[in-house]
Amino acid sequence: MKIKYNSPVVLTFTIISAAVLLLSSTIMKGLAADWFMVPGRDGFHPGQLRSWIILFTHVIGHADWDHLISNFSFILLLGPILEENYGSVSLVIMIALTALVTGILNVMLFPSALLGASGVVFMMILLASFTNFNKGEIPLTFILVLIIYLGREIFNSFAADNISEFAHIVGGFVGSLFGFFRPARSPAKK
């Protein structure tokens, strides 16, 4: 038996995120804040390349190991299934678009910074409920996941905490759109 790098996008995303957290918590203290955190409303500078880069890279940075582990527990569970069903290139595009949408909306609407892959997690949760659906159907699993996961986030958005429920909701919405408009590829014939 040999170990297989079975899900290149998900595994690479995980390794890079862990490396960034390790570096930013040890020898490069400002790394996460400088390159992996979307600023709030007043911190975005359209004339700086860095401002545009972090609209994508904020999903790589995490505040601490608990934050990273809670996100990547879901990503490592759901990501390989999605990567197999949608393909590696499509999954990279979906992650990048989710990062971009959550980053832009955070810059436009909120005064606080955004850090972490929670929006990607919720994109994957909602997208996973579409892996076995036929055109013209709405999977009951999608409806239940929508109620349970996004309903909880809407309810939690009224609490005072450091969690961006808005990024979760937007990520779930983006994943729903991907599920409706980007059907999974047909399984390979064996």
Foldseek 3Di string as FASTA:
>chain_A
DDDDPQQVQLVVLLVQLVVQQVCCVPVNVCSCVQQQKQAAQVPQDVVDPSNVRNLQRLASYDDHPVQSCVQSVLCVVQVSVQCQFANNVVLVVLSRVLSNVLSVCRNNPHRGMGHHNLLQSLLSCLLSQLQDDDPPDDRPSNVVCCCPVLVVLVVCVVDDDPDDSVSNNSSNVSSNVCSNPPHTDDDDDD
